Amino acid sequence: MKTEIRSNWSHAILVCKKCSKKAKKRGAHFGRQGDTLPKALKKSLGAKKGRKAPLGLVEVSCLDICPKNGVVLVDTRTPGQWRIIRPDADIDELARQLESVE
């Protein structure tokens, strides 16, 4: 039995599922087509599914921040800096920041 599995991810983006769900209930839309934040980011990043994608976009359970009208996002390259993304955020610019390898 394998104890390790290789991944092509350079890093992962963690998005709070609870915040995303609350924002959707409040009518908040991200991106041009009125999507949830994870869906808008996947479209903008061209993210693929699974471990063979260049980066991972993972919805996680509640991160216990719960901002009003925003969604918490964590880039694993900078775990000490969590972001609160508002519905009026420029998703394409955010995607460029998240996919750039520093």
N, C-alpha and C. Protein backbone atom coordinates (compact mmCIF):
# COMPACT_ATOMS: atom_id res chain seq x y z
N MET A 1 0.84 -1.18 0.00
CA MET A 1 0.00 0.00 0.00
C MET A 1 0.89 1.25 0.00
N LYS A 2 0.54 2.22 -0.84
CA LYS A 2 1.30 3.47 -0.91
C LYS A 2 1.07 4.30 0.35
N THR A 3 2.12 4.97 0.76
CA THR A 3 1.98 5.88 1.90
C THR A 3 2.11 7.33 1.47
N GLU A 4 2.50 7.57 0.21
CA GLU A 4 2.59 8.92 -0.33
C GLU A 4 2.06 8.93 -1.76
N ILE A 5 1.46 10.04 -2.14
CA ILE A 5 0.94 10.21 -3.49
C ILE A 5 1.42 11.56 -4.00
N ARG A 6 1.97 11.58 -5.19
CA ARG A 6 2.50 12.80 -5.79
C ARG A 6 1.36 13.69 -6.29
N SER A 7 1.59 14.98 -6.19
CA SER A 7 0.65 15.96 -6.70
C SER A 7 1.41 17.00 -7.51
N ASN A 8 0.78 17.57 -8.51
CA ASN A 8 1.40 18.63 -9.31
C ASN A 8 1.11 20.03 -8.76
N TRP A 9 0.43 20.12 -7.64
CA TRP A 9 0.06 21.41 -7.08
C TRP A 9 1.30 22.18 -6.66
N SER A 10 1.38 23.43 -7.03
CA SER A 10 2.44 24.29 -6.52
C SER A 10 2.03 24.85 -5.16
N HIS A 11 0.72 25.03 -4.96
CA HIS A 11 0.15 25.48 -3.70
C HIS A 11 -1.36 25.23 -3.74
N ALA A 12 -2.02 25.50 -2.63
CA ALA A 12 -3.46 25.31 -2.57
C ALA A 12 -4.13 26.60 -2.11
N ILE A 13 -5.34 26.80 -2.56
CA ILE A 13 -6.17 27.92 -2.16
C ILE A 13 -7.32 27.33 -1.36
N LEU A 14 -7.45 27.75 -0.12
CA LEU A 14 -8.52 27.25 0.75
C LEU A 14 -9.62 28.31 0.83
N VAL A 15 -10.85 27.91 0.54
CA VAL A 15 -11.99 28.83 0.57
C VAL A 15 -13.00 28.30 1.59
N CYS A 16 -13.45 29.19 2.48
CA CYS A 16 -14.41 28.80 3.51
C CYS A 16 -15.77 28.50 2.88
N LYS A 17 -16.21 27.27 3.05
CA LYS A 17 -17.48 26.83 2.46
C LYS A 17 -18.67 27.52 3.11
N LYS A 18 -18.59 27.72 4.43
CA LYS A 18 -19.69 28.34 5.16
C LYS A 18 -19.87 29.80 4.74
N CYS A 19 -18.76 30.53 4.62
CA CYS A 19 -18.83 31.94 4.17
C CYS A 19 -19.42 32.02 2.77
N SER A 20 -18.98 31.12 1.91
CA SER A 20 -19.45 31.11 0.53
C SER A 20 -20.96 30.85 0.48
N LYS A 21 -21.41 29.94 1.30
CA LYS A 21 -22.84 29.61 1.35
C LYS A 21 -23.65 30.79 1.89
N LYS A 22 -23.14 31.45 2.94
CA LYS A 22 -23.83 32.61 3.51
C LYS A 22 -23.89 33.75 2.51
N ALA A 23 -22.79 33.99 1.80
CA ALA A 23 -22.77 35.06 0.81
C ALA A 23 -23.79 34.80 -0.30
N LYS A 24 -23.89 33.54 -0.71
CA LYS A 24 -24.85 33.18 -1.76
C LYS A 24 -26.28 33.43 -1.28
N LYS A 25 -26.57 33.09 -0.02
CA LYS A 25 -27.91 33.32 0.53
C LYS A 25 -28.24 34.80 0.60
N ARG A 26 -27.22 35.62 0.85
CA ARG A 26 -27.42 37.07 0.92
C ARG A 26 -27.50 37.71 -0.46
N GLY A 27 -27.29 36.92 -1.50
CA GLY A 27 -27.38 37.43 -2.86
C GLY A 27 -26.08 37.98 -3.40
N ALA A 28 -24.97 37.70 -2.71
CA ALA A 28 -23.67 38.18 -3.19
C ALA A 28 -23.21 37.31 -4.36
N HIS A 29 -22.70 37.96 -5.40
CA HIS A 29 -22.21 37.26 -6.58
C HIS A 29 -20.80 37.70 -6.88
N PHE A 30 -19.98 36.78 -7.30
CA PHE A 30 -18.58 37.04 -7.61
C PHE A 30 -18.35 36.83 -9.10
N GLY A 31 -17.53 37.67 -9.68
CA GLY A 31 -17.23 37.52 -11.10
C GLY A 31 -18.32 38.08 -11.99
N ARG A 32 -18.13 37.93 -13.28
CA ARG A 32 -19.05 38.51 -14.26
C ARG A 32 -20.37 37.75 -14.37
N GLN A 33 -20.36 36.49 -14.07
CA GLN A 33 -21.57 35.68 -14.29
C GLN A 33 -22.36 35.40 -13.02
N GLY A 34 -22.03 36.08 -11.92
CA GLY A 34 -22.81 35.94 -10.71
C GLY A 34 -22.63 34.60 -10.02
N ASP A 35 -21.40 34.11 -9.97
CA ASP A 35 -21.12 32.81 -9.36
C ASP A 35 -20.75 32.95 -7.89
N THR A 36 -20.59 31.81 -7.24
CA THR A 36 -20.00 31.79 -5.91
C THR A 36 -18.50 32.01 -6.08
N LEU A 37 -17.80 32.36 -5.01
CA LEU A 37 -16.37 32.63 -5.12
C LEU A 37 -15.58 31.43 -5.64
N PRO A 38 -15.78 30.22 -5.10
CA PRO A 38 -15.00 29.09 -5.64
C PRO A 38 -15.24 28.86 -7.13
N LYS A 39 -16.47 28.97 -7.56
CA LYS A 39 -16.79 28.74 -8.96
C LYS A 39 -16.18 29.84 -9.85
N ALA A 40 -16.25 31.09 -9.41
CA ALA A 40 -15.67 32.20 -10.17
C ALA A 40 -14.15 32.06 -10.25
N LEU A 41 -13.51 31.65 -9.15
CA LEU A 41 -12.06 31.46 -9.17
C LEU A 41 -11.66 30.31 -10.08
N LYS A 42 -12.42 29.23 -10.04
CA LYS A 42 -12.10 28.09 -10.91
C LYS A 42 -12.16 28.51 -12.38
N LYS A 43 -13.17 29.29 -12.73
CA LYS A 43 -13.28 29.76 -14.12
C LYS A 43 -12.13 30.68 -14.48
N SER A 44 -11.83 31.61 -13.60
CA SER A 44 -10.79 32.60 -13.89
C SER A 44 -9.39 31.98 -13.90
N LEU A 45 -9.15 31.00 -13.02
CA LEU A 45 -7.86 30.34 -12.96
C LEU A 45 -7.71 29.25 -14.01
N GLY A 46 -8.84 28.82 -14.57
CA GLY A 46 -8.79 27.68 -15.48
C GLY A 46 -8.41 26.43 -14.72
N ALA A 47 -8.81 26.36 -13.46
CA ALA A 47 -8.43 25.27 -12.56
C ALA A 47 -9.02 23.94 -13.03
N LYS A 48 -8.21 22.94 -12.91
CA LYS A 48 -8.64 21.60 -13.23
C LYS A 48 -8.86 20.84 -11.93
N LYS A 49 -9.54 19.71 -12.03
CA LYS A 49 -9.81 18.90 -10.86
C LYS A 49 -8.65 17.96 -10.56
N GLY A 50 -8.53 17.61 -9.32
CA GLY A 50 -7.62 16.55 -8.94
C GLY A 50 -6.19 16.97 -8.67
N ARG A 51 -5.38 15.98 -8.39
CA ARG A 51 -4.01 16.21 -7.98
C ARG A 51 -3.07 16.54 -9.12
N LYS A 52 -3.53 16.39 -10.35
CA LYS A 52 -2.67 16.68 -11.50
C LYS A 52 -2.79 18.13 -11.97
N ALA A 53 -3.64 18.90 -11.34
CA ALA A 53 -3.79 20.32 -11.67
C ALA A 53 -2.57 21.10 -11.16
N PRO A 54 -2.28 22.26 -11.74
CA PRO A 54 -1.12 23.03 -11.30
C PRO A 54 -1.27 23.63 -9.90
N LEU A 55 -2.51 23.89 -9.48
CA LEU A 55 -2.76 24.35 -8.12
C LEU A 55 -4.09 23.81 -7.65
N GLY A 56 -4.25 23.74 -6.34
CA GLY A 56 -5.48 23.19 -5.79
C GLY A 56 -6.40 24.28 -5.27
N LEU A 57 -7.69 24.13 -5.52
CA LEU A 57 -8.70 25.02 -4.98
C LEU A 57 -9.63 24.15 -4.15
N VAL A 58 -9.55 24.33 -2.83
CA VAL A 58 -10.24 23.42 -1.92
C VAL A 58 -11.21 24.21 -1.05
N GLU A 59 -12.46 23.77 -1.01
CA GLU A 59 -13.43 24.35 -0.07
C GLU A 59 -13.29 23.61 1.25
N VAL A 60 -13.11 24.38 2.31
CA VAL A 60 -12.93 23.81 3.64
C VAL A 60 -14.08 24.22 4.53
N SER A 61 -14.25 23.50 5.64
CA SER A 61 -15.32 23.86 6.56
C SER A 61 -15.02 25.21 7.21
N CYS A 62 -15.86 25.66 8.07
CA CYS A 62 -15.80 27.00 8.65
C CYS A 62 -14.42 27.34 9.23
N LEU A 63 -13.91 28.51 8.87
CA LEU A 63 -12.64 29.00 9.39
C LEU A 63 -12.82 29.93 10.59
N ASP A 64 -14.05 30.07 11.07
CA ASP A 64 -14.41 30.84 12.27
C ASP A 64 -14.09 32.32 12.19
N ILE A 65 -14.17 32.91 11.01
CA ILE A 65 -14.02 34.35 10.86
C ILE A 65 -15.41 34.96 10.60
N CYS A 66 -16.12 34.40 9.66
CA CYS A 66 -17.50 34.76 9.33
C CYS A 66 -17.72 36.26 9.11
N PRO A 67 -17.07 36.86 8.11
CA PRO A 67 -17.30 38.28 7.84
C PRO A 67 -18.65 38.49 7.18
N LYS A 68 -19.28 39.62 7.44
CA LYS A 68 -20.54 39.92 6.76
C LYS A 68 -20.24 40.28 5.32
N ASN A 69 -20.93 39.66 4.42
CA ASN A 69 -20.82 39.96 2.99
C ASN A 69 -19.40 39.79 2.45
N GLY A 70 -18.74 38.73 2.86
CA GLY A 70 -17.40 38.42 2.37
C GLY A 70 -17.10 36.94 2.56
N VAL A 71 -16.06 36.46 1.90
CA VAL A 71 -15.66 35.06 1.98
C VAL A 71 -14.18 35.01 2.35
N VAL A 72 -13.84 34.15 3.31
CA VAL A 72 -12.45 34.02 3.76
C VAL A 72 -11.71 33.07 2.82
N LEU A 73 -10.49 33.48 2.45
CA LEU A 73 -9.66 32.72 1.53
C LEU A 73 -8.25 32.66 2.12
N VAL A 74 -7.62 31.48 2.03
CA VAL A 74 -6.26 31.30 2.52
C VAL A 74 -5.40 30.72 1.41
N ASP A 75 -4.30 31.40 1.11
CA ASP A 75 -3.31 30.90 0.16
C ASP A 75 -2.27 30.17 1.00
N THR A 76 -2.00 28.90 0.71
CA THR A 76 -1.09 28.12 1.54
C THR A 76 0.36 28.59 1.46
N ARG A 77 0.68 29.45 0.49
CA ARG A 77 2.03 30.02 0.44
C ARG A 77 2.22 31.07 1.51
N THR A 78 1.13 31.71 1.93
CA THR A 78 1.17 32.72 2.99
C THR A 78 0.11 32.40 4.03
N PRO A 79 0.32 31.34 4.83
CA PRO A 79 -0.71 30.92 5.79
C PRO A 79 -0.96 31.92 6.91
N GLY A 80 -0.07 32.86 7.11
CA GLY A 80 -0.26 33.86 8.15
C GLY A 80 -1.10 35.04 7.71
N GLN A 81 -1.47 35.08 6.44
CA GLN A 81 -2.26 36.19 5.89
C GLN A 81 -3.53 35.64 5.26
N TRP A 82 -4.64 35.77 5.94
CA TRP A 82 -5.92 35.33 5.41
C TRP A 82 -6.59 36.53 4.74
N ARG A 83 -7.32 36.27 3.69
CA ARG A 83 -7.98 37.35 2.94
C ARG A 83 -9.49 37.26 3.10
N ILE A 84 -10.12 38.41 3.13
CA ILE A 84 -11.58 38.48 3.08
C ILE A 84 -11.92 39.07 1.71
N ILE A 85 -12.60 38.29 0.90
CA ILE A 85 -12.93 38.68 -0.46
C ILE A 85 -14.38 39.17 -0.49
N ARG A 86 -14.56 40.38 -0.92
CA ARG A 86 -15.90 40.99 -1.03
C ARG A 86 -16.46 40.73 -2.43
N PRO A 87 -17.78 40.77 -2.57
CA PRO A 87 -18.39 40.52 -3.89
C PRO A 87 -17.96 41.48 -4.99
N ASP A 88 -17.54 42.69 -4.63
CA ASP A 88 -17.13 43.66 -5.65
C ASP A 88 -15.65 43.51 -6.03
N ALA A 89 -14.98 42.48 -5.52
CA ALA A 89 -13.56 42.27 -5.81
C ALA A 89 -13.35 41.92 -7.29
N ASP A 90 -12.22 42.32 -7.83
CA ASP A 90 -11.85 42.00 -9.20
C ASP A 90 -11.32 40.56 -9.21
N ILE A 91 -12.13 39.63 -9.65
CA ILE A 91 -11.79 38.20 -9.61
C ILE A 91 -10.60 37.88 -10.52
N ASP A 92 -10.51 38.53 -11.68
CA ASP A 92 -9.39 38.27 -12.58
C ASP A 92 -8.06 38.70 -11.95
N GLU A 93 -8.06 39.85 -11.28
CA GLU A 93 -6.84 40.32 -10.60
C GLU A 93 -6.49 39.39 -9.43
N LEU A 94 -7.51 38.97 -8.69
CA LEU A 94 -7.29 38.03 -7.58
C LEU A 94 -6.70 36.72 -8.11
N ALA A 95 -7.23 36.24 -9.22
CA ALA A 95 -6.72 35.00 -9.82
C ALA A 95 -5.26 35.15 -10.24
N ARG A 96 -4.90 36.29 -10.82
CA ARG A 96 -3.50 36.53 -11.19
C ARG A 96 -2.59 36.50 -9.97
N GLN A 97 -3.04 37.10 -8.87
CA GLN A 97 -2.25 37.10 -7.64
C GLN A 97 -2.09 35.68 -7.09
N LEU A 98 -3.16 34.90 -7.15
CA LEU A 98 -3.14 33.56 -6.57
C LEU A 98 -2.36 32.55 -7.39
N GLU A 99 -2.33 32.71 -8.70
CA GLU A 99 -1.64 31.73 -9.52
C GLU A 99 -0.16 32.06 -9.72
N SER A 100 0.24 33.29 -9.46
CA SER A 100 1.64 33.65 -9.66
C SER A 100 2.52 32.94 -8.63
N VAL A 101 3.59 32.34 -9.11
CA VAL A 101 4.52 31.63 -8.24
C VAL A 101 5.62 32.61 -7.85
N GLU A 102 5.77 32.78 -6.55
CA GLU A 102 6.76 33.74 -6.06
C GLU A 102 8.00 33.05 -5.59
